[in-house]
């Protein structure tokens, strides 16, 4: 069953750290069945506060999503995202 990770950037804290993350995160995709469905495109807020940006990544299964997220390659680069901004990340299974 398809599984999605939805990343919502709430507040930028250090743009230089986010720039490092953006430059390096693509390397963590190698060997993982990830498909980016949306990345910081235009938004139409229907409810609540507008986030700074949204990324939606699709995986074929929850196990595949966790394998990428928990991988050493991603865990090395995600430290720059943690320093660069406040995010929410939610893993959700499709129907």
C-alpha atoms as a PDB file:
ATOM      1  CA  UNK A   1       0.000   0.000   0.000  1.00  0.00           C
ATOM      2  CA  UNK A   2       1.370   3.432  -0.928  1.00  0.00           C
ATOM      3  CA  UNK A   3       2.667   5.464   1.990  1.00  0.00           C
ATOM      4  CA  UNK A   4       3.406   9.158   2.076  1.00  0.00           C
ATOM      5  CA  UNK A   5       5.637  11.358   4.164  1.00  0.00           C
ATOM      6  CA  UNK A   6       4.320  14.907   4.372  1.00  0.00           C
ATOM      7  CA  UNK A   7       6.884  17.494   5.431  1.00  0.00           C
ATOM      8  CA  UNK A   8       5.519  20.887   6.484  1.00  0.00           C
ATOM      9  CA  UNK A   9       7.978  23.727   7.055  1.00  0.00           C
ATOM     10  CA  UNK A  10       6.583  25.912   9.802  1.00  0.00           C
ATOM     11  CA  UNK A  11       9.394  28.445  10.353  1.00  0.00           C
ATOM     12  CA  UNK A  12      12.869  28.993   8.887  1.00  0.00           C
ATOM     13  CA  UNK A  13      15.607  29.505  11.472  1.00  0.00           C
ATOM     14  CA  UNK A  14      18.852  29.284   9.454  1.00  0.00           C
ATOM     15  CA  UNK A  15      18.694  29.511   5.663  1.00  0.00           C
ATOM     16  CA  UNK A  16      22.338  28.434   5.257  1.00  0.00           C
ATOM     17  CA  UNK A  17      21.559  25.095   6.977  1.00  0.00           C
ATOM     18  CA  UNK A  18      18.504  24.603   4.742  1.00  0.00           C
ATOM     19  CA  UNK A  19      20.653  25.302   1.695  1.00  0.00           C
ATOM     20  CA  UNK A  20      23.053  22.535   2.758  1.00  0.00           C
ATOM     21  CA  UNK A  21      20.101  20.176   3.269  1.00  0.00           C
ATOM     22  CA  UNK A  22      18.666  21.005  -0.177  1.00  0.00           C
ATOM     23  CA  UNK A  23      22.030  20.419  -1.840  1.00  0.00           C
ATOM     24  CA  UNK A  24      22.672  17.071  -0.135  1.00  0.00           C
ATOM     25  CA  UNK A  25      19.264  15.425   0.401  1.00  0.00           C
ATOM     26  CA  UNK A  26      19.059  14.043  -3.151  1.00  0.00           C
ATOM     27  CA  UNK A  27      21.972  11.694  -2.463  1.00  0.00           C
ATOM     28  CA  UNK A  28      19.915  10.010   0.273  1.00  0.00           C
ATOM     29  CA  UNK A  29      17.298   8.990  -2.331  1.00  0.00           C
ATOM     30  CA  UNK A  30      19.688   6.601  -4.101  1.00  0.00           C
ATOM     31  CA  UNK A  31      18.570   3.002  -3.722  1.00  0.00           C
ATOM     32  CA  UNK A  32      15.161   3.992  -2.305  1.00  0.00           C
ATOM     33  CA  UNK A  33      11.841   3.947  -4.200  1.00  0.00           C
ATOM     34  CA  UNK A  34      10.912   7.561  -3.418  1.00  0.00           C
ATOM     35  CA  UNK A  35       8.737   9.731  -5.635  1.00  0.00           C
ATOM     36  CA  UNK A  36       8.388  13.440  -4.830  1.00  0.00           C
ATOM     37  CA  UNK A  37       4.781  14.411  -5.573  1.00  0.00           C
ATOM     38  CA  UNK A  38       4.903  18.040  -4.400  1.00  0.00           C
ATOM     39  CA  UNK A  39       7.722  20.331  -3.294  1.00  0.00           C
ATOM     40  CA  UNK A  40       7.151  23.919  -2.207  1.00  0.00           C
ATOM     41  CA  UNK A  41       4.561  24.636  -4.885  1.00  0.00           C
ATOM     42  CA  UNK A  42       1.845  27.276  -4.678  1.00  0.00           C
ATOM     43  CA  UNK A  43      -0.605  26.782  -1.820  1.00  0.00           C
ATOM     44  CA  UNK A  44      -4.234  27.600  -1.259  1.00  0.00           C
ATOM     45  CA  UNK A  45      -4.814  27.470   2.480  1.00  0.00           C
ATOM     46  CA  UNK A  46      -8.263  26.130   3.244  1.00  0.00           C
ATOM     47  CA  UNK A  47      -7.991  25.900   7.045  1.00  0.00           C
ATOM     48  CA  UNK A  48      -5.532  26.979   9.713  1.00  0.00           C
ATOM     49  CA  UNK A  49      -2.258  28.852   9.363  1.00  0.00           C
ATOM     50  CA  UNK A  50      -0.275  28.729   6.141  1.00  0.00           C
ATOM     51  CA  UNK A  51       3.005  26.797   6.359  1.00  0.00           C
ATOM     52  CA  UNK A  52       6.106  28.173   4.654  1.00  0.00           C
ATOM     53  CA  UNK A  53       6.219  25.105   2.441  1.00  0.00           C
ATOM     54  CA  UNK A  54       5.083  21.522   1.942  1.00  0.00           C
ATOM     55  CA  UNK A  55       6.786  18.450   0.478  1.00  0.00           C
ATOM     56  CA  UNK A  56       4.935  15.190  -0.186  1.00  0.00           C
ATOM     57  CA  UNK A  57       6.998  12.062  -0.843  1.00  0.00           C
ATOM     58  CA  UNK A  58       5.458   8.754  -1.958  1.00  0.00           C
ATOM     59  CA  UNK A  59       6.804   5.286  -1.167  1.00  0.00           C
ATOM     60  CA  UNK A  60       5.391   1.864  -2.102  1.00  0.00           C
ATOM     61  CA  UNK A  61       5.037   0.862   1.565  1.00  0.00           C
ATOM     62  CA  UNK A  62       5.492   2.015   5.140  1.00  0.00           C
ATOM     63  CA  UNK A  63       8.580  -0.189   5.374  1.00  0.00           C
ATOM     64  CA  UNK A  64      10.132   1.534   2.346  1.00  0.00           C
ATOM     65  CA  UNK A  65       9.373   4.970   3.782  1.00  0.00           C
ATOM     66  CA  UNK A  66      10.942   4.079   7.121  1.00  0.00           C
ATOM     67  CA  UNK A  67      13.939   2.461   5.410  1.00  0.00           C
ATOM     68  CA  UNK A  68      14.686   5.786   3.696  1.00  0.00           C
ATOM     69  CA  UNK A  69      13.881   8.033   6.672  1.00  0.00           C
ATOM     70  CA  UNK A  70      15.889   5.898   9.116  1.00  0.00           C
ATOM     71  CA  UNK A  71      18.790   5.328   6.699  1.00  0.00           C
ATOM     72  CA  UNK A  72      22.252   6.568   7.715  1.00  0.00           C
ATOM     73  CA  UNK A  73      22.402   8.686   4.541  1.00  0.00           C
ATOM     74  CA  UNK A  74      19.211  10.578   5.406  1.00  0.00           C
ATOM     75  CA  UNK A  75      19.936  10.800   9.102  1.00  0.00           C
ATOM     76  CA  UNK A  76      23.275  12.472   8.300  1.00  0.00           C
ATOM     77  CA  UNK A  77      21.702  15.145   6.096  1.00  0.00           C
ATOM     78  CA  UNK A  78      18.499  15.691   8.094  1.00  0.00           C
ATOM     79  CA  UNK A  79      20.549  17.301  10.870  1.00  0.00           C
ATOM     80  CA  UNK A  80      20.855  20.352   8.596  1.00  0.00           C
ATOM     81  CA  UNK A  81      17.070  20.512   8.224  1.00  0.00           C
ATOM     82  CA  UNK A  82      16.665  20.298  11.989  1.00  0.00           C
ATOM     83  CA  UNK A  83      19.060  23.236  12.409  1.00  0.00           C
ATOM     84  CA  UNK A  84      17.575  25.174   9.514  1.00  0.00           C
ATOM     85  CA  UNK A  85      13.860  25.191  10.258  1.00  0.00           C
ATOM     86  CA  UNK A  86      11.029  23.929  12.379  1.00  0.00           C
ATOM     87  CA  UNK A  87       9.146  21.201  10.464  1.00  0.00           C
ATOM     88  CA  UNK A  88       6.394  18.689  10.976  1.00  0.00           C
ATOM     89  CA  UNK A  89       6.863  15.318   9.316  1.00  0.00           C
ATOM     90  CA  UNK A  90       3.995  12.854   9.163  1.00  0.00           C
ATOM     91  CA  UNK A  91       3.977   9.357   7.676  1.00  0.00           C
ATOM     92  CA  UNK A  92       0.516   8.406   6.424  1.00  0.00           C
ATOM     93  CA  UNK A  93      -0.649   5.240   4.676  1.00  0.00           C
ATOM     94  CA  UNK A  94      -2.787   5.515   1.556  1.00  0.00           C
ATOM     95  CA  UNK A  95      -6.145   3.878   1.150  1.00  0.00           C
END
